Amino acid sequence: MDTQKGSSKLSATLLALILGASVFMAGQVWAKGYVTDPATGRTWTKPEYGGTLTWAVKHFPKNADAFTAGGWAAHFTAGFIEQMAFGNWDVPRELVDDMVWVYTGHNMYAGALATSWALPDETTFIWNVRKGVHWHDKSPMNGRQFNAHDVVWNYHRYAGMGDFAEAGPAPIGYILDALEFESVTATDDWTVVFKLKKPLATTVELFINKQTPMYPPEVYKNTNSFENWRNLVGTGPYQLIEFVEGSSMTYKKNPNYWGVDEKFGNPLPYIDNLRPVLLPEESARIAALRTGKVDLVGNPGDAQISNVDTIASLQKSNPELQFYFVKANEGSFIFNQSFGPTQDVRVRKALQMAVDNEAINASIHKGLGVVGPYGVYLQNLTDWSWAYKEWPDELKREFEYRPADAEALLDAAGYPRGADGYRFKLTMALLVRFEPTYAEIVVEFFRAIGVDAEIYISPEAEHSAAFKADTHEWHLMTGAHLGERRPGLWHAGRTIQKVGDRIGSYSKSKDSRIETFYNNANNTTDLEEYFSNVRKIDEINVREHFGLVRPLVPLYQVAQPWVQGWHGEWGMGYTERHTHFSRLWIDSALKKKMMGN
């Protein structure tokens, strides 16, 4: 993938503040001082404590339990329910792909609730638990010290072991992915030893780059659930003190947090309060930015902006805002291979050739996106993806805009135009989190070749249920196994109906070849054999058009000028979407000056 990171567009006011050039701001600058960020080289005002950071949220998760609600829940619990490891905050940003931590080696991650980890042999993994970490001082945890037994309890729950043997493993398969345990034991209060059923080529990656938040055992024992936000207690830099259904959350600073700013050595967190506010409509989010009612709009709330015209308007009306830019996949449609016309690969090819991605990129993205094509993984993940240079020329042509050839394919597949001009009708399920413009354009391209189509806005719970079901009655649904910018065998596994205990797929394919390659990758200790099998899965996805390839989208994140320490990072690792907020601070003098209070 062609990934670009845009530098901040600072207003004259903000530049004056930083450089000391403004008459009315100069005194503030030199009084406050400034620092140079070792990871980005940027200059910020000196870190300070206090204030509130408000960010816009497009959609809250259905509940607070990552065990049942998946990664979207973990995005919101990350500030107070911690994991064993997270992204290394002081790693140079040129090493961080898309401002999202991707596991490419141990130096990309640092210990969180663990200080370190070890793989003493090919079937043993060890977490060394951090001492001096305390649960929040809230019943029933009451500030007791976090220990290895808490880690064991959580992994038993995720894996369906011990007290959870009857319930079985987490229904969200990517929590543990290919990890299978013979045992998980605490050899003392600070050491957890995992004995694996089999050696894997990617054991360390699966432990440190996966979604395994450490929930409070006593809360579960009292309530038999973590789904109620109000019951949660964590170890993180913030405590959840309020959840207003359909409106907002409020997180309050944990005064006893163990963490220290990796860059500047200060106790964390800086900001007193975090407040995600539900603003489903983009127009409302933009208005809130313009008036200073929100401090940040971006990936932490699934509220990043893809409309180039909107950004141009914002840059013109509010040049003082900080703008960050990446190119990424944003909600590709996956074909349902168990229902209706999309069972036929000729239909899937035709629908791809009916869509002019060049025109879409030129019009709605102003040429700033990347047309592609790609399969499960973006082409910059060279170990994982089937290289485009190896694709046969005829296959490459199947991803070009060729409407006449698309119509001929549909005729050959037995779908001639009827008296009304249409061949058949498709339903496209768009997850409520995604922006609808692309889907609306695709509908018109489909209609041009005689395929009527309608868009169904799918709530999160319904979309998740369809993912887990044997089939569903949507011809296409937005999924996340096409154009992945992050590596992981889980993504390839989502192209088939079921492998072992991993349940659910978007495509509903029951391709035995993919199952074989998936199992081969899962059972090898040879890294190149692992990658070879993943690339074979990617090749099948490409050749048989598992999804509708769309241009990579230019995504923008925007922050107020008084938000300091943020370089547009999406998070600090897998599902760690606002962990980094504890490392940001508010320039209170600038905010007061600009807001007039």
Foldseek 3Di string as FASTA:
>chain_A
DDKDKDFWLADPVLVCLCVLPDPVNNVVNVVQDWDAQQQERDIDGDFAFEDEAEEEFQDQFQFQDCLAGNLSNLLVCPQFQDAQKWFDLNHRCVVAPPLFQFDPDPNRMAGDQFRDKDPPDQFKIKGFGDWPFFWFCDPPRNTHTQWLVLVQVQVCAQQCHDVRVVVGHRLACLQQPLWAFPGWDDPDRGMIMTGTPAGAQCVVCSRHFHDRTRFDPVLCVVPVDRGHPCSGIGRHQWDWDDDDPPFKTKTAGRPSHPDAQPRPGHDWFRYGMYMYTYDNDLVVNLVCVLQVVHFKADLSNLRWDQFPVSVVVCCVSPVNWTKIKIWADFFFKFFALPDDPSVDLLLLLLLLLLDAQVVVCCPRVVVPWAFDDFFLAGVVVPLQAQHPVPDDPVLVCSNHNDNVVSLVSCVVVPQHQDPVQAREEFEEEEESSGDCPVVVRSQVSCVVSRYHYDYDHDYSVRVVVCQQDLHDHHRIYGDNRTHDHHDDLVSLVQLEQDADSNGGHRHSHPDVLLNVLSVQLSRDNDPSSNSVSSNVSRVVCSNSVRTRGHIGTITMMIGRSQWPPDSPNCATHRSRRCNCVSVIRGPVVVCCVVNVD
